[in-house]
Each structure stands twice: as C-alpha cells, then as structure tokens.
Amino acid sequence: MIGPRANPVSGVARVAAKAAVALCIAAAAGFAIPAGTAKTYTIAMDGTRFIPDTLTVQRGDRVVWVNKDPFPHTATARGTFDSKSVAAGHSWSYVARQTGEIPYVCTLHPGMKGALLVQ
C-alpha cells in the first residue's frame, strides 16, 4: 500500500509552492530584483576622498567601498547605512534597496563627502 508520504514529488512540490509564495510576497513588498541584472560598483576611499564622489546605480546594485588609505574611514548615510570603521586595506558593501539620492560622509573625516544616486 502506498501512503501519503510515499510520493517524494509531493513534498518537493509543497516546498516549491512555499518558495513561490515567498517570492510573490517579496515582489509585492518591492524587494524583488530581476535575476542577473544587479551590478557591483566600487568606490575608493583614497587621499581622504571618495572616488568617485557621486555614483549613479540601479536599485539592487551592490556598492563596495574600498579603503586605500593607511587609516580607517566610514561610509555613513544617516538612517540608511553605516559601514562603521573600515580599516586600511579592507572594504564594506551595501545593496541599494530604495531609490533616491543618498548623501554620505566619513564620520572620522567630515570633509569626506559623497552621494549615491539610486534609480
């Protein structure tokens, strides 16, 4: 006799259905990004400057800040992201989730300013 647990496909189908529902909820909430379209951009922290100081990206893109100076920096956008201290030779990344202009600074060097424009 074949019982309800004898068909492994039905278990797989249930998991797939739950995953599909979760993706639909994420899409409705504005979190879904089409697969394969996200890009990665790099901003250097070099000479107590952000290079480039303004960067335009798409929602879902990853931005990586790389500290090329011999001392720590931060990339801090109040209320949006905060890298905390990024040591010399290290990096930190952020995935842009909301559109708009996001100004940011290095809290350790307030003259170091940049802007992320998310479309």
C-alpha atoms as a PDB file:
ATOM      1  CA  MET A   1       0.000   0.000   0.000  1.00  0.00           C
ATOM      2  CA  ILE A   2       1.261   3.463  -0.857  1.00  0.00           C
ATOM      3  CA  GLY A   3       0.822   6.012   1.908  1.00  0.00           C
ATOM      4  CA  PRO A   4       0.700   9.812   1.751  1.00  0.00           C
ATOM      5  CA  ARG A   5       4.479  10.047   2.346  1.00  0.00           C
ATOM      6  CA  ALA A   6       5.380   7.592  -0.397  1.00  0.00           C
ATOM      7  CA  ASN A   7       5.374  10.228  -3.142  1.00  0.00           C
ATOM      8  CA  PRO A   8       8.525  12.372  -2.724  1.00  0.00           C
ATOM      9  CA  VAL A   9       7.428  14.673  -5.557  1.00  0.00           C
ATOM     10  CA  SER A  10       4.526  15.967  -3.500  1.00  0.00           C
ATOM     11  CA  GLY A  11       6.951  17.104  -0.774  1.00  0.00           C
ATOM     12  CA  VAL A  12       9.136  18.841  -3.338  1.00  0.00           C
ATOM     13  CA  ALA A  13       6.067  20.449  -4.882  1.00  0.00           C
ATOM     14  CA  ARG A  14       4.996  21.775  -1.477  1.00  0.00           C
ATOM     15  CA  VAL A  15       8.438  23.317  -0.866  1.00  0.00           C
ATOM     16  CA  ALA A  16       8.430  24.865  -4.345  1.00  0.00           C
ATOM     17  CA  ALA A  17       4.951  26.273  -3.785  1.00  0.00           C
ATOM     18  CA  LYS A  18       6.007  27.825  -0.469  1.00  0.00           C
ATOM     19  CA  ALA A  19       9.077  29.358  -2.130  1.00  0.00           C
ATOM     20  CA  ALA A  20       6.908  30.773  -4.924  1.00  0.00           C
ATOM     21  CA  VAL A  21       4.552  32.346  -2.382  1.00  0.00           C
ATOM     22  CA  ALA A  22       7.513  33.872  -0.521  1.00  0.00           C
ATOM     23  CA  LEU A  23       8.860  35.348  -3.776  1.00  0.00           C
ATOM     24  CA  CYS A  24       5.445  36.810  -4.611  1.00  0.00           C
ATOM     25  CA  ILE A  25       5.246  38.440  -1.184  1.00  0.00           C
ATOM     26  CA  ALA A  26       8.770  39.847  -1.603  1.00  0.00           C
ATOM     27  CA  ALA A  27       7.895  41.182  -5.059  1.00  0.00           C
ATOM     28  CA  ALA A  28       4.746  42.830  -3.740  1.00  0.00           C
ATOM     29  CA  ALA A  29       6.795  44.450  -0.986  1.00  0.00           C
ATOM     30  CA  GLY A  30       9.208  45.865  -3.549  1.00  0.00           C
ATOM     31  CA  PHE A  31      12.188  43.652  -2.708  1.00  0.00           C
ATOM     32  CA  ALA A  32      12.395  41.524  -5.828  1.00  0.00           C
ATOM     33  CA  ILE A  33      15.176  42.342  -8.263  1.00  0.00           C
ATOM     34  CA  PRO A  34      15.232  40.576 -11.638  1.00  0.00           C
ATOM     35  CA  ALA A  35      17.866  37.851 -11.554  1.00  0.00           C
ATOM     36  CA  GLY A  36      21.138  38.630 -13.237  1.00  0.00           C
ATOM     37  CA  THR A  37      20.590  42.386 -13.616  1.00  0.00           C
ATOM     38  CA  ALA A  38      22.314  43.648 -10.455  1.00  0.00           C
ATOM     39  CA  LYS A  39      25.786  45.117 -10.898  1.00  0.00           C
ATOM     40  CA  THR A  40      28.644  45.780  -8.500  1.00  0.00           C
ATOM     41  CA  TYR A  41      30.335  49.182  -8.322  1.00  0.00           C
ATOM     42  CA  THR A  42      33.450  50.224  -6.399  1.00  0.00           C
ATOM     43  CA  ILE A  43      34.122  53.487  -4.589  1.00  0.00           C
ATOM     44  CA  ALA A  44      37.692  54.051  -3.385  1.00  0.00           C
ATOM     45  CA  MET A  45      38.431  55.765  -0.090  1.00  0.00           C
ATOM     46  CA  ASP A  46      41.712  57.314  -1.154  1.00  0.00           C
ATOM     47  CA  GLY A  47      43.504  60.539  -0.210  1.00  0.00           C
ATOM     48  CA  THR A  48      40.658  61.335   2.222  1.00  0.00           C
ATOM     49  CA  ARG A  49      38.243  61.429  -0.729  1.00  0.00           C
ATOM     50  CA  PHE A  50      35.552  59.136  -2.080  1.00  0.00           C
ATOM     51  CA  ILE A  51      36.380  58.297  -5.706  1.00  0.00           C
ATOM     52  CA  PRO A  52      34.030  58.789  -7.435  1.00  0.00           C
ATOM     53  CA  ASP A  53      32.311  61.188  -5.052  1.00  0.00           C
ATOM     54  CA  THR A  54      28.951  60.710  -6.816  1.00  0.00           C
ATOM     55  CA  LEU A  55      27.778  57.397  -8.220  1.00  0.00           C
ATOM     56  CA  THR A  56      24.536  56.519 -10.003  1.00  0.00           C
ATOM     57  CA  VAL A  57      23.286  52.934  -9.587  1.00  0.00           C
ATOM     58  CA  GLN A  58      20.091  50.966 -10.048  1.00  0.00           C
ATOM     59  CA  ARG A  59      18.004  49.542  -7.223  1.00  0.00           C
ATOM     60  CA  GLY A  60      19.503  46.155  -6.354  1.00  0.00           C
ATOM     61  CA  ASP A  61      23.073  47.068  -7.322  1.00  0.00           C
ATOM     62  CA  ARG A  62      25.894  46.488  -4.845  1.00  0.00           C
ATOM     63  CA  VAL A  63      28.305  49.288  -3.970  1.00  0.00           C
ATOM     64  CA  VAL A  64      31.666  48.347  -2.446  1.00  0.00           C
ATOM     65  CA  TRP A  65      33.764  50.935  -0.622  1.00  0.00           C
ATOM     66  CA  VAL A  66      37.475  50.010  -0.596  1.00  0.00           C
ATOM     67  CA  ASN A  67      39.786  51.794   1.841  1.00  0.00           C
ATOM     68  CA  LYS A  68      43.082  52.534   0.072  1.00  0.00           C
ATOM     69  CA  ASP A  69      44.283  54.982   2.738  1.00  0.00           C
ATOM     70  CA  PRO A  70      46.600  53.886   5.584  1.00  0.00           C
ATOM     71  CA  PHE A  71      43.969  54.835   8.202  1.00  0.00           C
ATOM     72  CA  PRO A  72      40.287  53.949   8.795  1.00  0.00           C
ATOM     73  CA  HIS A  73      37.250  55.571   7.193  1.00  0.00           C
ATOM     74  CA  THR A  74      33.474  55.163   7.310  1.00  0.00           C
ATOM     75  CA  ALA A  75      30.728  55.462   4.718  1.00  0.00           C
ATOM     76  CA  THR A  76      27.770  56.738   6.706  1.00  0.00           C
ATOM     77  CA  ALA A  77      24.374  57.858   5.413  1.00  0.00           C
ATOM     78  CA  ARG A  78      22.301  58.755   8.443  1.00  0.00           C
ATOM     79  CA  GLY A  79      19.262  56.495   8.632  1.00  0.00           C
ATOM     80  CA  THR A  80      20.242  54.437   5.564  1.00  0.00           C
ATOM     81  CA  PHE A  81      23.628  52.758   6.041  1.00  0.00           C
ATOM     82  CA  ASP A  82      26.725  52.866   8.234  1.00  0.00           C
ATOM     83  CA  SER A  83      29.865  50.926   7.436  1.00  0.00           C
ATOM     84  CA  LYS A  84      31.318  51.585  10.890  1.00  0.00           C
ATOM     85  CA  SER A  85      35.123  51.762  10.758  1.00  0.00           C
ATOM     86  CA  VAL A  86      36.644  50.307   7.575  1.00  0.00           C
ATOM     87  CA  ALA A  87      40.298  49.540   8.286  1.00  0.00           C
ATOM     88  CA  ALA A  88      43.098  50.283   5.819  1.00  0.00           C
ATOM     89  CA  GLY A  89      43.075  47.703   3.030  1.00  0.00           C
ATOM     90  CA  HIS A  90      39.565  46.494   3.851  1.00  0.00           C
ATOM     91  CA  SER A  91      36.170  47.007   2.232  1.00  0.00           C
ATOM     92  CA  TRP A  92      32.471  47.214   3.031  1.00  0.00           C
ATOM     93  CA  SER A  93      29.441  46.848   0.778  1.00  0.00           C
ATOM     94  CA  TYR A  94      25.834  47.967   0.594  1.00  0.00           C
ATOM     95  CA  VAL A  95      22.998  46.830  -1.670  1.00  0.00           C
ATOM     96  CA  ALA A  96      20.840  49.760  -2.811  1.00  0.00           C
ATOM     97  CA  ARG A  97      17.230  48.906  -1.942  1.00  0.00           C
ATOM     98  CA  GLN A  98      15.477  52.312  -2.091  1.00  0.00           C
ATOM     99  CA  THR A  99      15.541  54.866  -4.865  1.00  0.00           C
ATOM    100  CA  GLY A 100      16.631  58.457  -4.357  1.00  0.00           C
ATOM    101  CA  GLU A 101      19.687  60.498  -3.516  1.00  0.00           C
ATOM    102  CA  ILE A 102      21.660  59.237  -0.529  1.00  0.00           C
ATOM    103  CA  PRO A 103      24.319  61.657   0.702  1.00  0.00           C
ATOM    104  CA  TYR A 104      27.002  60.078   2.895  1.00  0.00           C
ATOM    105  CA  VAL A 105      30.138  61.122   4.797  1.00  0.00           C
ATOM    106  CA  CYS A 106      33.125  59.673   6.567  1.00  0.00           C
ATOM    107  CA  THR A 107      32.341  60.330  10.218  1.00  0.00           C
ATOM    108  CA  LEU A 108      36.074  60.236  11.008  1.00  0.00           C
ATOM    109  CA  HIS A 109      36.867  62.841   8.315  1.00  0.00           C
ATOM    110  CA  PRO A 110      33.744  65.057   7.920  1.00  0.00           C
ATOM    111  CA  GLY A 111      35.164  66.797   4.845  1.00  0.00           C
ATOM    112  CA  MET A 112      34.952  63.466   3.010  1.00  0.00           C
ATOM    113  CA  LYS A 113      31.531  63.515   1.355  1.00  0.00           C
ATOM    114  CA  GLY A 114      29.815  61.523  -1.359  1.00  0.00           C
ATOM    115  CA  ALA A 115      26.411  60.791  -2.826  1.00  0.00           C
ATOM    116  CA  LEU A 116      24.776  57.635  -4.076  1.00  0.00           C
ATOM    117  CA  LEU A 117      22.013  58.209  -6.645  1.00  0.00           C
ATOM    118  CA  VAL A 118      19.743  55.161  -6.765  1.00  0.00           C
ATOM    119  CA  GLN A 119      17.356  54.912  -9.730  1.00  0.00           C
END
